[in-house]
Structures are given as structure tokens and as C-alpha cells.
Amino acid sequence: MLVKLTCEDGTVGWGQSVPLPTWSYETPESVVSTIQDYLAPAVMGQNIFDRESIHLAMKKAIASSFSTGAPIAKAGIDLAKTVNK
């Protein structure tokens, strides 16, 4: 799954989430819904390069429980650091 983050100034960051249902509980469908419904709204308006704030916002949106809380979905946002304009 490719994840695209776009800043107000047009800066774009790209990341990827690679769900493998045979390895993790996350599926392509769960990654898409987790990012769209929980993680994207949580990081909206934040500086994508402020890793600490992004991690805190994602942790508040999807808390850790029996696992680290949707780590594959979160990785797509976390990895979106390639900058293009």
C-alpha cells in the first residue's frame, strides 16, 4: 500500500505499508481503513517531519494493546519522508 502525505505548501512525502496476513493480523483492508479513518485524521495539520508528534498522535488514535497497535499501517505514515515538490 502506498501512502502519500501532502503538506499545505505542496510538499509530498511517500511511504509504504506492506500487510501480509500470513505474518501479521493486518490486512490490506485493515491498513486502508486504519489510515483513512484513524491515523490520517490524527496527523492532519501536523508537521510530517516532527516524528515525535506524529508518533504521539498515531498512538493516541490507535493505542498499543496486545501488539504495538497497527504497526504496519503506522509504518506507511512514518516512512513518508521522501520529499518531492
N, C-alpha and C. Protein backbone atom coordinates (compact mmCIF):
# COMPACT_ATOMS: atom_id res chain seq x y z
N MET A 1 0.85 -1.15 0.00
CA MET A 1 0.00 0.00 0.00
C MET A 1 0.91 1.23 0.00
N LEU A 2 0.72 2.14 -0.92
CA LEU A 2 1.48 3.38 -0.94
C LEU A 2 0.71 4.43 -0.15
N VAL A 3 1.45 5.20 0.63
CA VAL A 3 0.88 6.24 1.46
C VAL A 3 1.47 7.57 1.01
N LYS A 4 0.60 8.52 0.71
CA LYS A 4 1.04 9.83 0.26
C LYS A 4 0.57 10.88 1.26
N LEU A 5 1.53 11.65 1.80
CA LEU A 5 1.21 12.76 2.68
C LEU A 5 1.51 14.05 1.93
N THR A 6 0.56 14.97 1.95
CA THR A 6 0.74 16.25 1.27
C THR A 6 0.61 17.38 2.27
N CYS A 7 1.63 18.23 2.33
CA CYS A 7 1.62 19.39 3.23
C CYS A 7 0.90 20.56 2.56
N GLU A 8 0.55 21.54 3.36
CA GLU A 8 -0.13 22.73 2.85
C GLU A 8 0.68 23.43 1.76
N ASP A 9 2.01 23.38 1.86
CA ASP A 9 2.86 24.07 0.88
C ASP A 9 3.11 23.24 -0.38
N GLY A 10 2.48 22.07 -0.48
CA GLY A 10 2.65 21.22 -1.66
C GLY A 10 3.72 20.17 -1.52
N THR A 11 4.48 20.19 -0.43
CA THR A 11 5.49 19.16 -0.18
C THR A 11 4.80 17.81 -0.04
N VAL A 12 5.35 16.80 -0.69
CA VAL A 12 4.75 15.46 -0.68
C VAL A 12 5.73 14.48 -0.06
N GLY A 13 5.22 13.63 0.81
CA GLY A 13 6.00 12.55 1.40
C GLY A 13 5.37 11.22 1.02
N TRP A 14 6.19 10.24 0.67
CA TRP A 14 5.72 8.91 0.29
C TRP A 14 6.21 7.86 1.27
N GLY A 15 5.36 6.92 1.57
CA GLY A 15 5.71 5.80 2.42
C GLY A 15 5.00 4.56 1.91
N GLN A 16 5.22 3.45 2.57
CA GLN A 16 4.53 2.22 2.19
C GLN A 16 4.19 1.40 3.42
N SER A 17 3.08 0.71 3.32
CA SER A 17 2.68 -0.27 4.32
C SER A 17 2.56 -1.59 3.59
N VAL A 18 3.14 -2.63 4.15
CA VAL A 18 3.14 -3.93 3.47
C VAL A 18 2.48 -4.97 4.39
N PRO A 19 1.15 -5.04 4.34
CA PRO A 19 0.47 -6.02 5.19
C PRO A 19 0.55 -7.42 4.58
N LEU A 20 0.95 -8.37 5.38
CA LEU A 20 1.00 -9.77 4.97
C LEU A 20 0.17 -10.57 5.98
N PRO A 21 -1.08 -10.88 5.64
CA PRO A 21 -1.96 -11.56 6.59
C PRO A 21 -1.41 -12.88 7.12
N THR A 22 -0.50 -13.52 6.39
CA THR A 22 0.09 -14.77 6.89
C THR A 22 1.16 -14.50 7.94
N TRP A 23 1.57 -13.24 8.09
CA TRP A 23 2.62 -12.88 9.04
C TRP A 23 2.10 -11.99 10.16
N SER A 24 1.07 -11.21 9.87
CA SER A 24 0.55 -10.24 10.82
C SER A 24 -0.97 -10.24 10.78
N TYR A 25 -1.58 -9.70 11.81
CA TYR A 25 -3.04 -9.59 11.84
C TYR A 25 -3.55 -8.50 10.90
N GLU A 26 -2.67 -7.64 10.38
CA GLU A 26 -3.10 -6.57 9.50
C GLU A 26 -3.28 -7.09 8.07
N THR A 27 -4.33 -6.63 7.43
CA THR A 27 -4.65 -7.00 6.06
C THR A 27 -4.66 -5.73 5.21
N PRO A 28 -4.65 -5.85 3.89
CA PRO A 28 -4.75 -4.64 3.07
C PRO A 28 -5.97 -3.79 3.44
N GLU A 29 -7.09 -4.45 3.67
CA GLU A 29 -8.31 -3.72 4.02
C GLU A 29 -8.19 -3.01 5.37
N SER A 30 -7.59 -3.68 6.34
CA SER A 30 -7.47 -3.05 7.67
C SER A 30 -6.48 -1.89 7.65
N VAL A 31 -5.42 -2.01 6.83
CA VAL A 31 -4.46 -0.91 6.72
C VAL A 31 -5.13 0.32 6.11
N VAL A 32 -5.89 0.11 5.03
CA VAL A 32 -6.57 1.23 4.39
C VAL A 32 -7.55 1.90 5.36
N SER A 33 -8.38 1.12 6.02
CA SER A 33 -9.37 1.72 6.93
C SER A 33 -8.71 2.36 8.15
N THR A 34 -7.63 1.77 8.66
CA THR A 34 -6.93 2.35 9.81
C THR A 34 -6.32 3.69 9.44
N ILE A 35 -5.70 3.77 8.28
CA ILE A 35 -5.10 5.04 7.86
C ILE A 35 -6.19 6.06 7.56
N GLN A 36 -7.18 5.70 6.76
CA GLN A 36 -8.23 6.65 6.38
C GLN A 36 -9.07 7.13 7.56
N ASP A 37 -9.46 6.22 8.42
CA ASP A 37 -10.43 6.55 9.46
C ASP A 37 -9.82 7.01 10.78
N TYR A 38 -8.56 6.65 11.05
CA TYR A 38 -7.97 6.95 12.35
C TYR A 38 -6.66 7.74 12.27
N LEU A 39 -5.71 7.21 11.50
CA LEU A 39 -4.37 7.82 11.50
C LEU A 39 -4.31 9.13 10.72
N ALA A 40 -4.89 9.16 9.53
CA ALA A 40 -4.85 10.40 8.73
C ALA A 40 -5.51 11.56 9.48
N PRO A 41 -6.71 11.38 10.04
CA PRO A 41 -7.29 12.49 10.80
C PRO A 41 -6.44 12.90 12.01
N ALA A 42 -5.74 11.94 12.60
CA ALA A 42 -4.92 12.23 13.79
C ALA A 42 -3.69 13.06 13.45
N VAL A 43 -3.13 12.89 12.27
CA VAL A 43 -1.91 13.62 11.91
C VAL A 43 -2.20 14.84 11.03
N MET A 44 -3.44 15.03 10.66
CA MET A 44 -3.83 16.17 9.82
C MET A 44 -3.39 17.48 10.48
N GLY A 45 -2.72 18.32 9.71
CA GLY A 45 -2.29 19.62 10.21
C GLY A 45 -0.97 19.63 10.95
N GLN A 46 -0.35 18.46 11.11
CA GLN A 46 0.94 18.39 11.81
C GLN A 46 2.10 18.42 10.82
N ASN A 47 3.24 18.83 11.30
CA ASN A 47 4.47 18.82 10.51
C ASN A 47 4.89 17.36 10.31
N ILE A 48 4.94 16.90 9.05
CA ILE A 48 5.26 15.49 8.81
C ILE A 48 6.68 15.13 9.20
N PHE A 49 7.52 16.13 9.41
CA PHE A 49 8.90 15.85 9.80
C PHE A 49 9.11 15.85 11.30
N ASP A 50 8.06 16.15 12.07
CA ASP A 50 8.13 16.11 13.53
C ASP A 50 7.73 14.71 13.98
N ARG A 51 8.69 13.80 13.92
CA ARG A 51 8.44 12.38 14.18
C ARG A 51 7.80 12.13 15.55
N GLU A 52 8.26 12.83 16.57
CA GLU A 52 7.73 12.61 17.91
C GLU A 52 6.24 12.95 17.99
N SER A 53 5.84 14.08 17.41
CA SER A 53 4.43 14.48 17.42
C SER A 53 3.57 13.53 16.61
N ILE A 54 4.10 13.10 15.46
CA ILE A 54 3.37 12.15 14.62
C ILE A 54 3.16 10.83 15.36
N HIS A 55 4.20 10.33 16.00
CA HIS A 55 4.08 9.07 16.75
C HIS A 55 3.09 9.20 17.89
N LEU A 56 3.13 10.30 18.60
CA LEU A 56 2.20 10.52 19.71
C LEU A 56 0.76 10.58 19.20
N ALA A 57 0.53 11.29 18.11
CA ALA A 57 -0.82 11.40 17.55
C ALA A 57 -1.33 10.03 17.09
N MET A 58 -0.46 9.24 16.44
CA MET A 58 -0.88 7.92 15.99
C MET A 58 -1.13 6.99 17.17
N LYS A 59 -0.32 7.11 18.22
CA LYS A 59 -0.51 6.27 19.41
C LYS A 59 -1.83 6.61 20.11
N LYS A 60 -2.20 7.89 20.13
CA LYS A 60 -3.48 8.29 20.72
C LYS A 60 -4.65 7.77 19.89
N ALA A 61 -4.47 7.74 18.57
CA ALA A 61 -5.55 7.28 17.68
C ALA A 61 -5.73 5.76 17.72
N ILE A 62 -4.63 5.04 17.73
CA ILE A 62 -4.63 3.57 17.79
C ILE A 62 -3.64 3.16 18.88
N ALA A 63 -4.15 2.89 20.04
CA ALA A 63 -3.30 2.59 21.19
C ALA A 63 -2.71 1.19 21.11
N SER A 64 -1.59 1.02 21.77
CA SER A 64 -0.99 -0.30 21.89
C SER A 64 -1.85 -1.14 22.83
N SER A 65 -1.91 -2.42 22.57
CA SER A 65 -2.66 -3.33 23.42
C SER A 65 -1.90 -4.65 23.46
N PHE A 66 -2.39 -5.64 22.74
CA PHE A 66 -1.70 -6.91 22.67
C PHE A 66 -0.50 -6.84 21.73
N SER A 67 -0.48 -5.80 20.90
CA SER A 67 0.64 -5.57 19.98
C SER A 67 1.02 -4.10 20.07
N THR A 68 1.77 -3.62 19.12
CA THR A 68 2.15 -2.21 19.12
C THR A 68 1.07 -1.33 18.50
N GLY A 69 -0.08 -1.90 18.16
CA GLY A 69 -1.19 -1.11 17.66
C GLY A 69 -1.07 -0.74 16.20
N ALA A 70 -1.39 -1.65 15.31
CA ALA A 70 -1.37 -1.44 13.86
C ALA A 70 -0.02 -0.93 13.36
N PRO A 71 1.07 -1.63 13.66
CA PRO A 71 2.39 -1.14 13.28
C PRO A 71 2.60 -1.02 11.78
N ILE A 72 1.98 -1.87 10.98
CA ILE A 72 2.18 -1.81 9.54
C ILE A 72 1.47 -0.58 8.96
N ALA A 73 0.28 -0.30 9.42
CA ALA A 73 -0.43 0.90 8.97
C ALA A 73 0.34 2.15 9.39
N LYS A 74 0.82 2.18 10.63
CA LYS A 74 1.58 3.33 11.12
C LYS A 74 2.88 3.51 10.35
N ALA A 75 3.49 2.41 9.91
CA ALA A 75 4.76 2.49 9.18
C ALA A 75 4.61 3.27 7.88
N GLY A 76 3.48 3.13 7.21
CA GLY A 76 3.27 3.87 5.97
C GLY A 76 3.36 5.36 6.16
N ILE A 77 2.79 5.84 7.26
CA ILE A 77 2.87 7.27 7.57
C ILE A 77 4.27 7.62 8.04
N ASP A 78 4.83 6.80 8.89
CA ASP A 78 6.16 7.06 9.44
C ASP A 78 7.23 7.12 8.35
N LEU A 79 7.08 6.32 7.32
CA LEU A 79 8.08 6.26 6.26
C LEU A 79 7.91 7.34 5.20
N ALA A 80 6.83 8.09 5.27
CA ALA A 80 6.56 9.10 4.23
C ALA A 80 7.48 10.31 4.40
N LYS A 81 8.74 10.10 4.14
CA LYS A 81 9.75 11.15 4.35
C LYS A 81 10.46 11.58 3.07
N THR A 82 10.17 10.90 1.95
CA THR A 82 10.75 11.31 0.68
C THR A 82 10.04 12.57 0.22
N VAL A 83 10.80 13.62 0.02
CA VAL A 83 10.21 14.91 -0.29
C VAL A 83 10.29 15.21 -1.78
N ASN A 84 9.17 15.54 -2.36
CA ASN A 84 9.09 15.97 -3.76
C ASN A 84 8.27 17.25 -3.80
N LYS A 85 8.51 18.07 -4.77
CA LYS A 85 7.71 19.27 -4.92
C LYS A 85 7.33 19.47 -6.35
